[in-house]
Amino acid sequence: MNQEMYLTEHLALPSEATLSQTSKLDGVRLSPHFSLAEMSVTNVKNVVNNPGPEEIENLTRLCGWLEHLRDMYNILYGNGKVPIVINSGFRSPEVNKRVGGSPTSNHLTGCAADIKVFGIEQAMRYAVILLNYADNTMQEFDELLIERSKKGTYWVHFAVRPKENRRKVMFLQT
């Protein structure tokens, strides 16, 4: 699948409220390939979804892992052309409530991202890369979940906290 087709198929159109919020945050880089806007985008209309300093610090830590994932996936499978696309990163309490998120979600603290994938095979490859990185660097993560919706769509939920990580690895049907 070519790069443009991949992006077109996986990027949702943001609402007008999201666009105005995104334009304010877009210039803030958390890492070379991830912006604050990308890590806090939402399609929930008329809700402000701006992370505070602690959440931004957590998102920055998370982006370090995502950079490694992007680099390794492209070395092994993508010829440097496959982006890591984020469905959901930071969620304000209102956004989290409106999307049906858990009241204790790692998204609320900027510690989690839901990563778009093109099928179960890509999800499993992402999971292996993240597990190997944790083992090789002796760093811990909180959650690595391969999730599947009732419609058959897959994504990877990945979370890393500043401390008290549980190394929870699961397949989930949502």
N, C-alpha and C. Protein backbone atom coordinates (compact mmCIF):
# COMPACT_ATOMS: atom_id res chain seq x y z
N MET A 1 0.85 -1.17 0.00
CA MET A 1 0.00 0.00 0.00
C MET A 1 0.90 1.23 0.00
N ASN A 2 0.59 2.19 -0.87
CA ASN A 2 1.46 3.36 -0.91
C ASN A 2 1.17 4.29 0.27
N GLN A 3 2.13 5.17 0.52
CA GLN A 3 2.09 6.06 1.68
C GLN A 3 0.85 6.94 1.71
N GLU A 4 0.52 7.56 0.58
CA GLU A 4 -0.62 8.47 0.53
C GLU A 4 -1.91 7.73 0.81
N MET A 5 -2.06 6.54 0.25
CA MET A 5 -3.26 5.75 0.46
C MET A 5 -3.37 5.36 1.93
N TYR A 6 -2.26 5.00 2.54
CA TYR A 6 -2.24 4.63 3.96
C TYR A 6 -2.74 5.78 4.82
N LEU A 7 -2.20 6.97 4.59
CA LEU A 7 -2.60 8.13 5.37
C LEU A 7 -4.06 8.49 5.13
N THR A 8 -4.49 8.48 3.87
CA THR A 8 -5.86 8.82 3.55
C THR A 8 -6.83 7.87 4.23
N GLU A 9 -6.51 6.60 4.22
CA GLU A 9 -7.38 5.60 4.81
C GLU A 9 -7.46 5.69 6.32
N HIS A 10 -6.42 6.19 6.98
CA HIS A 10 -6.35 6.14 8.43
C HIS A 10 -6.56 7.46 9.16
N LEU A 11 -6.56 8.57 8.48
CA LEU A 11 -6.72 9.84 9.17
C LEU A 11 -8.17 10.29 9.11
N ALA A 12 -8.76 10.55 10.27
CA ALA A 12 -10.12 11.05 10.34
C ALA A 12 -10.12 12.56 10.15
N LEU A 13 -11.22 13.09 9.66
CA LEU A 13 -11.32 14.53 9.49
C LEU A 13 -11.69 15.16 10.83
N PRO A 14 -10.90 16.11 11.30
CA PRO A 14 -11.19 16.73 12.59
C PRO A 14 -12.33 17.74 12.49
N SER A 15 -12.95 17.99 13.62
CA SER A 15 -14.01 18.99 13.68
C SER A 15 -13.40 20.39 13.61
N GLU A 16 -14.25 21.41 13.42
CA GLU A 16 -13.75 22.79 13.38
C GLU A 16 -13.13 23.19 14.70
N ALA A 17 -13.73 22.76 15.83
CA ALA A 17 -13.17 23.07 17.14
C ALA A 17 -11.79 22.44 17.28
N THR A 18 -11.67 21.23 16.78
CA THR A 18 -10.37 20.55 16.84
C THR A 18 -9.35 21.28 15.99
N LEU A 19 -9.76 21.76 14.81
CA LEU A 19 -8.82 22.46 13.95
C LEU A 19 -8.28 23.72 14.61
N SER A 20 -9.13 24.49 15.29
CA SER A 20 -8.63 25.70 15.94
C SER A 20 -7.70 25.36 17.08
N GLN A 21 -8.01 24.30 17.84
CA GLN A 21 -7.13 23.86 18.92
C GLN A 21 -5.84 23.32 18.35
N THR A 22 -5.95 22.51 17.30
CA THR A 22 -4.78 21.89 16.69
C THR A 22 -3.82 22.94 16.16
N SER A 23 -4.33 23.99 15.54
CA SER A 23 -3.44 25.00 14.97
C SER A 23 -2.61 25.68 16.06
N LYS A 24 -3.17 25.81 17.27
CA LYS A 24 -2.43 26.43 18.37
C LYS A 24 -1.32 25.51 18.89
N LEU A 25 -1.55 24.21 18.84
CA LEU A 25 -0.61 23.24 19.41
C LEU A 25 0.34 22.64 18.39
N ASP A 26 0.05 22.84 17.10
CA ASP A 26 0.78 22.13 16.05
C ASP A 26 2.27 22.43 16.03
N GLY A 27 2.66 23.64 16.37
CA GLY A 27 4.07 23.99 16.33
C GLY A 27 4.89 23.42 17.46
N VAL A 28 4.26 22.87 18.47
CA VAL A 28 4.97 22.32 19.63
C VAL A 28 5.34 20.87 19.34
N ARG A 29 6.64 20.60 19.28
CA ARG A 29 7.13 19.24 19.00
C ARG A 29 7.46 18.56 20.31
N LEU A 30 6.98 17.32 20.45
CA LEU A 30 7.33 16.50 21.61
C LEU A 30 8.53 15.61 21.30
N SER A 31 8.73 15.34 20.03
CA SER A 31 9.85 14.53 19.54
C SER A 31 9.98 14.84 18.04
N PRO A 32 10.97 14.29 17.36
CA PRO A 32 11.14 14.63 15.95
C PRO A 32 9.92 14.37 15.06
N HIS A 33 9.13 13.34 15.35
CA HIS A 33 8.02 12.99 14.47
C HIS A 33 6.63 13.16 15.10
N PHE A 34 6.55 13.65 16.32
CA PHE A 34 5.26 13.77 16.99
C PHE A 34 5.08 15.17 17.58
N SER A 35 3.94 15.77 17.26
CA SER A 35 3.63 17.11 17.78
C SER A 35 2.63 17.00 18.92
N LEU A 36 2.55 18.05 19.71
CA LEU A 36 1.58 18.11 20.79
C LEU A 36 0.16 18.05 20.22
N ALA A 37 -0.07 18.69 19.09
CA ALA A 37 -1.39 18.66 18.46
C ALA A 37 -1.79 17.23 18.11
N GLU A 38 -0.87 16.49 17.51
CA GLU A 38 -1.14 15.10 17.13
C GLU A 38 -1.44 14.23 18.35
N MET A 39 -0.74 14.50 19.44
CA MET A 39 -0.89 13.67 20.64
C MET A 39 -2.07 14.11 21.52
N SER A 40 -2.79 15.15 21.10
CA SER A 40 -3.96 15.58 21.86
C SER A 40 -5.17 15.84 20.95
N VAL A 41 -5.12 15.34 19.73
CA VAL A 41 -6.22 15.54 18.80
C VAL A 41 -7.46 14.76 19.26
N THR A 42 -8.62 15.32 18.98
CA THR A 42 -9.88 14.65 19.29
C THR A 42 -10.92 15.04 18.25
N ASN A 43 -11.84 14.14 18.01
CA ASN A 43 -12.98 14.43 17.14
C ASN A 43 -14.21 14.81 17.95
N VAL A 44 -14.08 14.87 19.26
CA VAL A 44 -15.18 15.30 20.11
C VAL A 44 -15.37 16.80 19.91
N LYS A 45 -16.57 17.18 19.51
CA LYS A 45 -16.83 18.58 19.17
C LYS A 45 -17.04 19.44 20.40
N ASN A 46 -16.61 20.70 20.27
CA ASN A 46 -16.85 21.74 21.27
C ASN A 46 -16.29 21.41 22.65
N VAL A 47 -15.16 20.75 22.70
CA VAL A 47 -14.49 20.43 23.96
C VAL A 47 -13.03 20.80 23.84
N VAL A 48 -12.51 21.53 24.82
CA VAL A 48 -11.09 21.86 24.84
C VAL A 48 -10.34 20.64 25.37
N ASN A 49 -9.27 20.29 24.69
CA ASN A 49 -8.51 19.09 25.06
C ASN A 49 -7.03 19.43 25.17
N ASN A 50 -6.70 20.43 25.98
CA ASN A 50 -5.31 20.87 26.12
C ASN A 50 -4.66 20.25 27.35
N PRO A 51 -3.56 19.52 27.16
CA PRO A 51 -2.85 18.96 28.30
C PRO A 51 -2.08 20.03 29.07
N GLY A 52 -1.90 19.79 30.37
CA GLY A 52 -1.09 20.67 31.21
C GLY A 52 0.36 20.23 31.20
N PRO A 53 1.22 20.91 31.97
CA PRO A 53 2.66 20.60 31.97
C PRO A 53 2.99 19.15 32.34
N GLU A 54 2.31 18.59 33.33
CA GLU A 54 2.58 17.20 33.72
C GLU A 54 2.19 16.23 32.61
N GLU A 55 1.05 16.49 31.99
CA GLU A 55 0.60 15.63 30.89
C GLU A 55 1.55 15.74 29.69
N ILE A 56 2.05 16.96 29.43
CA ILE A 56 3.00 17.15 28.33
C ILE A 56 4.30 16.39 28.61
N GLU A 57 4.76 16.40 29.85
CA GLU A 57 5.95 15.63 30.22
C GLU A 57 5.71 14.14 29.98
N ASN A 58 4.54 13.64 30.36
CA ASN A 58 4.21 12.23 30.13
C ASN A 58 4.13 11.91 28.65
N LEU A 59 3.51 12.80 27.87
CA LEU A 59 3.42 12.59 26.43
C LEU A 59 4.80 12.56 25.79
N THR A 60 5.70 13.41 26.26
CA THR A 60 7.06 13.44 25.74
C THR A 60 7.76 12.11 26.00
N ARG A 61 7.60 11.58 27.20
CA ARG A 61 8.19 10.27 27.53
C ARG A 61 7.62 9.19 26.60
N LEU A 62 6.31 9.21 26.42
CA LEU A 62 5.64 8.26 25.55
C LEU A 62 6.15 8.37 24.11
N CYS A 63 6.36 9.59 23.65
CA CYS A 63 6.84 9.80 22.28
C CYS A 63 8.24 9.22 22.07
N GLY A 64 9.05 9.14 23.11
CA GLY A 64 10.36 8.47 22.99
C GLY A 64 10.18 7.02 22.55
N TRP A 65 9.22 6.34 23.15
CA TRP A 65 8.90 4.96 22.77
C TRP A 65 8.34 4.91 21.35
N LEU A 66 7.48 5.85 21.02
CA LEU A 66 6.87 5.87 19.69
C LEU A 66 7.91 6.15 18.61
N GLU A 67 8.90 6.97 18.91
CA GLU A 67 9.99 7.21 17.96
C GLU A 67 10.74 5.92 17.69
N HIS A 68 11.03 5.17 18.75
CA HIS A 68 11.73 3.89 18.56
C HIS A 68 10.87 2.94 17.73
N LEU A 69 9.58 2.89 18.03
CA LEU A 69 8.67 2.04 17.27
C LEU A 69 8.69 2.41 15.79
N ARG A 70 8.60 3.69 15.51
CA ARG A 70 8.61 4.17 14.13
C ARG A 70 9.91 3.79 13.43
N ASP A 71 11.03 4.07 14.10
CA ASP A 71 12.33 3.76 13.50
C ASP A 71 12.48 2.27 13.20
N MET A 72 12.19 1.43 14.18
CA MET A 72 12.38 -0.01 14.01
C MET A 72 11.41 -0.60 12.99
N TYR A 73 10.18 -0.18 13.03
CA TYR A 73 9.20 -0.70 12.07
C TYR A 73 9.64 -0.36 10.64
N ASN A 74 10.13 0.85 10.46
CA ASN A 74 10.56 1.26 9.12
C ASN A 74 11.83 0.57 8.68
N ILE A 75 12.72 0.30 9.60
CA ILE A 75 13.93 -0.46 9.26
C ILE A 75 13.55 -1.87 8.82
N LEU A 76 12.66 -2.49 9.57
CA LEU A 76 12.30 -3.89 9.32
C LEU A 76 11.28 -4.08 8.21
N TYR A 77 10.30 -3.17 8.08
CA TYR A 77 9.17 -3.43 7.20
C TYR A 77 8.76 -2.28 6.29
N GLY A 78 9.15 -1.05 6.60
CA GLY A 78 8.53 0.08 5.93
C GLY A 78 9.39 0.90 5.02
N ASN A 79 10.65 0.57 4.87
CA ASN A 79 11.54 1.35 4.00
C ASN A 79 11.52 2.85 4.33
N GLY A 80 11.34 3.17 5.61
CA GLY A 80 11.38 4.57 6.05
C GLY A 80 10.17 5.40 5.69
N LYS A 81 9.10 4.77 5.23
CA LYS A 81 7.98 5.52 4.69
C LYS A 81 6.68 5.38 5.48
N VAL A 82 6.64 4.58 6.50
CA VAL A 82 5.38 4.35 7.22
C VAL A 82 5.36 5.19 8.49
N PRO A 83 4.37 6.09 8.61
CA PRO A 83 4.26 6.89 9.83
C PRO A 83 3.58 6.08 10.93
N ILE A 84 3.77 6.50 12.14
CA ILE A 84 2.98 5.99 13.25
C ILE A 84 1.84 6.99 13.41
N VAL A 85 0.61 6.53 13.24
CA VAL A 85 -0.56 7.40 13.26
C VAL A 85 -1.29 7.20 14.58
N ILE A 86 -1.54 8.29 15.27
CA ILE A 86 -2.17 8.24 16.59
C ILE A 86 -3.67 8.50 16.45
N ASN A 87 -4.48 7.57 16.96
CA ASN A 87 -5.93 7.75 17.05
C ASN A 87 -6.28 8.66 18.21
N SER A 88 -5.62 8.41 19.33
CA SER A 88 -5.94 9.11 20.57
C SER A 88 -4.73 9.10 21.47
N GLY A 89 -4.39 10.25 22.00
CA GLY A 89 -3.32 10.36 22.98
C GLY A 89 -3.92 10.93 24.26
N PHE A 90 -3.54 12.15 24.61
CA PHE A 90 -4.11 12.79 25.79
C PHE A 90 -5.60 13.00 25.61
N ARG A 91 -6.36 12.76 26.69
CA ARG A 91 -7.79 13.06 26.71
C ARG A 91 -8.11 13.84 27.99
N SER A 92 -8.78 14.96 27.83
CA SER A 92 -9.29 15.67 29.00
C SER A 92 -10.39 14.80 29.63
N PRO A 93 -10.74 15.06 30.90
CA PRO A 93 -11.82 14.27 31.51
C PRO A 93 -13.12 14.30 30.68
N GLU A 94 -13.45 15.45 30.10
CA GLU A 94 -14.69 15.55 29.30
C GLU A 94 -14.58 14.71 28.03
N VAL A 95 -13.46 14.79 27.34
CA VAL A 95 -13.27 13.97 26.12
C VAL A 95 -13.32 12.50 26.49
N ASN A 96 -12.62 12.12 27.54
CA ASN A 96 -12.58 10.72 27.95
C ASN A 96 -13.99 10.20 28.26
N LYS A 97 -14.76 11.00 28.95
CA LYS A 97 -16.14 10.62 29.28
C LYS A 97 -16.98 10.46 28.01
N ARG A 98 -16.84 11.39 27.09
CA ARG A 98 -17.67 11.37 25.88
C ARG A 98 -17.29 10.25 24.90
N VAL A 99 -16.06 9.76 24.98
CA VAL A 99 -15.68 8.64 24.12
C VAL A 99 -15.86 7.29 24.82
N GLY A 100 -16.34 7.33 26.06
CA GLY A 100 -16.58 6.08 26.79
C GLY A 100 -15.32 5.49 27.40
N GLY A 101 -14.31 6.31 27.66
CA GLY A 101 -13.06 5.83 28.25
C GLY A 101 -13.20 5.49 29.72
N SER A 102 -12.30 4.68 30.20
CA SER A 102 -12.28 4.31 31.61
C SER A 102 -11.98 5.53 32.48
N PRO A 103 -12.62 5.64 33.65
CA PRO A 103 -12.33 6.78 34.53
C PRO A 103 -10.89 6.78 35.06
N THR A 104 -10.20 5.65 34.93
CA THR A 104 -8.80 5.57 35.36
C THR A 104 -7.84 5.45 34.17
N SER A 105 -8.29 5.84 33.01
CA SER A 105 -7.52 5.70 31.77
C SER A 105 -6.18 6.42 31.84
N ASN A 106 -5.16 5.77 31.30
CA ASN A 106 -3.84 6.40 31.16
C ASN A 106 -3.88 7.57 30.18
N HIS A 107 -4.89 7.65 29.34
CA HIS A 107 -5.03 8.78 28.42
C HIS A 107 -5.21 10.08 29.20
N LEU A 108 -5.85 10.03 30.36
CA LEU A 108 -6.12 11.23 31.16
C LEU A 108 -4.86 11.91 31.65
N THR A 109 -3.79 11.16 31.80
CA THR A 109 -2.52 11.72 32.30
C THR A 109 -1.49 11.90 31.19
N GLY A 110 -1.88 11.63 29.95
CA GLY A 110 -0.94 11.75 28.84
C GLY A 110 0.05 10.60 28.77
N CYS A 111 -0.28 9.49 29.42
CA CYS A 111 0.62 8.34 29.45
C CYS A 111 0.30 7.29 28.39
N ALA A 112 -0.76 7.48 27.60
CA ALA A 112 -1.18 6.45 26.65
C ALA A 112 -1.46 7.01 25.28
N ALA A 113 -1.31 6.13 24.29
CA ALA A 113 -1.68 6.44 22.91
C ALA A 113 -2.33 5.21 22.29
N ASP A 114 -3.35 5.46 21.50
CA ASP A 114 -3.93 4.41 20.67
C ASP A 114 -3.36 4.62 19.28
N ILE A 115 -2.73 3.58 18.75
CA ILE A 115 -1.99 3.66 17.50
C ILE A 115 -2.76 2.92 16.41
N LYS A 116 -3.01 3.60 15.31
CA LYS A 116 -3.70 2.98 14.18
C LYS A 116 -2.81 1.92 13.56
N VAL A 117 -3.42 0.82 13.16
CA VAL A 117 -2.71 -0.24 12.45
C VAL A 117 -3.57 -0.70 11.28
N PHE A 118 -2.91 -1.29 10.33
CA PHE A 118 -3.60 -1.87 9.17
C PHE A 118 -3.64 -3.37 9.35
N GLY A 119 -4.50 -3.82 10.27
CA GLY A 119 -4.69 -5.25 10.49
C GLY A 119 -3.90 -5.82 11.66
N ILE A 120 -4.22 -7.06 11.97
CA ILE A 120 -3.63 -7.75 13.13
C ILE A 120 -2.13 -7.97 12.96
N GLU A 121 -1.67 -8.22 11.74
CA GLU A 121 -0.24 -8.48 11.54
C GLU A 121 0.60 -7.27 11.93
N GLN A 122 0.19 -6.08 11.49
CA GLN A 122 0.93 -4.88 11.86
C GLN A 122 0.85 -4.64 13.37
N ALA A 123 -0.30 -4.89 13.96
CA ALA A 123 -0.44 -4.73 15.42
C ALA A 123 0.52 -5.65 16.16
N MET A 124 0.64 -6.87 15.71
CA MET A 124 1.55 -7.82 16.36
C MET A 124 3.01 -7.40 16.17
N ARG A 125 3.35 -6.91 15.01
CA ARG A 125 4.72 -6.44 14.78
C ARG A 125 5.05 -5.25 15.68
N TYR A 126 4.10 -4.32 15.81
CA TYR A 126 4.30 -3.20 16.73
C TYR A 126 4.52 -3.70 18.15
N ALA A 127 3.70 -4.66 18.57
CA ALA A 127 3.81 -5.19 19.93
C ALA A 127 5.18 -5.82 20.16
N VAL A 128 5.66 -6.59 19.21
CA VAL A 128 6.98 -7.24 19.35
C VAL A 128 8.08 -6.19 19.46
N ILE A 129 8.02 -5.17 18.63
CA ILE A 129 9.04 -4.11 18.68
C ILE A 129 9.04 -3.44 20.05
N LEU A 130 7.86 -3.12 20.57
CA LEU A 130 7.77 -2.46 21.88
C LEU A 130 8.23 -3.38 23.01
N LEU A 131 7.88 -4.65 22.95
CA LEU A 131 8.35 -5.61 23.97
C LEU A 131 9.86 -5.75 23.93
N ASN A 132 10.43 -5.87 22.74
CA ASN A 132 11.89 -5.98 22.62
C ASN A 132 12.59 -4.74 23.14
N TYR A 133 12.02 -3.57 22.85
CA TYR A 133 12.61 -2.32 23.34
C TYR A 133 12.60 -2.29 24.88
N ALA A 134 11.50 -2.69 25.47
CA ALA A 134 11.42 -2.73 26.94
C ALA A 134 12.49 -3.65 27.50
N ASP A 135 12.63 -4.83 26.91
CA ASP A 135 13.62 -5.79 27.40
C ASP A 135 15.05 -5.31 27.18
N ASN A 136 15.33 -4.77 26.00
CA ASN A 136 16.69 -4.35 25.67
C ASN A 136 17.15 -3.13 26.45
N THR A 137 16.22 -2.25 26.81
CA THR A 137 16.58 -1.04 27.54
C THR A 137 16.31 -1.14 29.03
N MET A 138 15.70 -2.25 29.43
CA MET A 138 15.32 -2.48 30.83
C MET A 138 14.40 -1.36 31.34
N GLN A 139 13.57 -0.86 30.45
CA GLN A 139 12.53 0.11 30.82
C GLN A 139 11.20 -0.63 30.90
N GLU A 140 10.33 -0.14 31.70
CA GLU A 140 9.02 -0.76 31.83
C GLU A 140 7.95 0.10 31.18
N PHE A 141 6.86 -0.53 30.82
CA PHE A 141 5.68 0.13 30.29
C PHE A 141 4.49 -0.32 31.13
N ASP A 142 3.40 0.37 31.02
CA ASP A 142 2.23 0.01 31.81
C ASP A 142 1.29 -0.93 31.06
N GLU A 143 0.95 -0.59 29.83
CA GLU A 143 0.01 -1.40 29.06
C GLU A 143 0.44 -1.51 27.61
N LEU A 144 0.31 -2.71 27.07
CA LEU A 144 0.48 -2.97 25.65
C LEU A 144 -0.68 -3.87 25.26
N LEU A 145 -1.69 -3.27 24.67
CA LEU A 145 -2.92 -3.98 24.37
C LEU A 145 -3.17 -3.95 22.87
N ILE A 146 -3.44 -5.10 22.30
CA ILE A 146 -3.92 -5.15 20.92
C ILE A 146 -5.43 -5.24 21.04
N GLU A 147 -6.10 -4.21 20.54
CA GLU A 147 -7.55 -4.14 20.68
C GLU A 147 -8.24 -4.30 19.33
N ARG A 148 -9.44 -4.87 19.39
CA ARG A 148 -10.24 -5.10 18.18
C ARG A 148 -11.67 -4.66 18.47
N SER A 149 -12.20 -3.83 17.59
CA SER A 149 -13.59 -3.40 17.73
C SER A 149 -14.53 -4.49 17.21
N LYS A 150 -15.80 -4.35 17.49
CA LYS A 150 -16.80 -5.29 16.98
C LYS A 150 -16.87 -5.26 15.46
N LYS A 151 -16.44 -4.16 14.87
CA LYS A 151 -16.43 -4.03 13.41
C LYS A 151 -15.19 -4.67 12.79
N GLY A 152 -14.24 -5.12 13.62
CA GLY A 152 -13.04 -5.79 13.12
C GLY A 152 -11.84 -4.89 12.95
N THR A 153 -11.93 -3.65 13.41
CA THR A 153 -10.80 -2.72 13.32
C THR A 153 -9.84 -2.97 14.48
N TYR A 154 -8.55 -3.01 14.18
CA TYR A 154 -7.52 -3.22 15.21
C TYR A 154 -6.79 -1.92 15.49
N TRP A 155 -6.27 -1.80 16.70
CA TRP A 155 -5.35 -0.74 17.07
C TRP A 155 -4.50 -1.23 18.24
N VAL A 156 -3.40 -0.55 18.48
CA VAL A 156 -2.53 -0.87 19.62
C VAL A 156 -2.66 0.26 20.63
N HIS A 157 -3.00 -0.12 21.84
CA HIS A 157 -3.02 0.83 22.96
C HIS A 157 -1.71 0.61 23.70
N PHE A 158 -0.93 1.69 23.83
CA PHE A 158 0.35 1.58 24.53
C PHE A 158 0.45 2.69 25.56
N ALA A 159 0.87 2.31 26.78
CA ALA A 159 0.97 3.28 27.87
C ALA A 159 2.27 3.07 28.64
N VAL A 160 2.88 4.19 29.01
CA VAL A 160 4.06 4.15 29.87
C VAL A 160 3.91 5.27 30.90
N ARG A 161 3.96 4.89 32.15
CA ARG A 161 3.82 5.84 33.26
C ARG A 161 5.20 6.24 33.77
N PRO A 162 5.28 7.35 34.53
CA PRO A 162 6.55 7.73 35.12
C PRO A 162 7.04 6.70 36.15
N LYS A 163 6.11 6.00 36.80
CA LYS A 163 6.46 4.97 37.78
C LYS A 163 5.27 4.03 37.93
N GLU A 164 5.50 2.94 38.65
CA GLU A 164 4.46 1.94 38.93
C GLU A 164 3.84 1.34 37.67
N ASN A 165 4.70 1.03 36.70
CA ASN A 165 4.24 0.37 35.48
C ASN A 165 3.95 -1.10 35.76
N ARG A 166 2.91 -1.64 35.11
CA ARG A 166 2.45 -3.00 35.39
C ARG A 166 2.85 -4.04 34.35
N ARG A 167 3.32 -3.61 33.20
CA ARG A 167 3.66 -4.50 32.08
C ARG A 167 2.48 -5.43 31.73
N LYS A 168 1.35 -4.81 31.57
CA LYS A 168 0.12 -5.52 31.22
C LYS A 168 0.08 -5.71 29.70
N VAL A 169 0.03 -6.97 29.24
CA VAL A 169 0.00 -7.28 27.83
C VAL A 169 -1.24 -8.15 27.58
N MET A 170 -2.10 -7.71 26.64
CA MET A 170 -3.34 -8.44 26.39
C MET A 170 -3.87 -8.19 24.98
N PHE A 171 -4.72 -9.12 24.52
CA PHE A 171 -5.60 -8.90 23.38
C PHE A 171 -6.96 -8.59 23.95
N LEU A 172 -7.65 -7.58 23.43
CA LEU A 172 -8.97 -7.21 23.93
C LEU A 172 -9.97 -7.03 22.80
N GLN A 173 -11.17 -7.53 23.00
CA GLN A 173 -12.30 -7.23 22.12
C GLN A 173 -13.08 -6.11 22.76
N THR A 174 -13.28 -5.00 22.06
CA THR A 174 -14.01 -3.88 22.66
C THR A 174 -15.45 -3.85 22.20
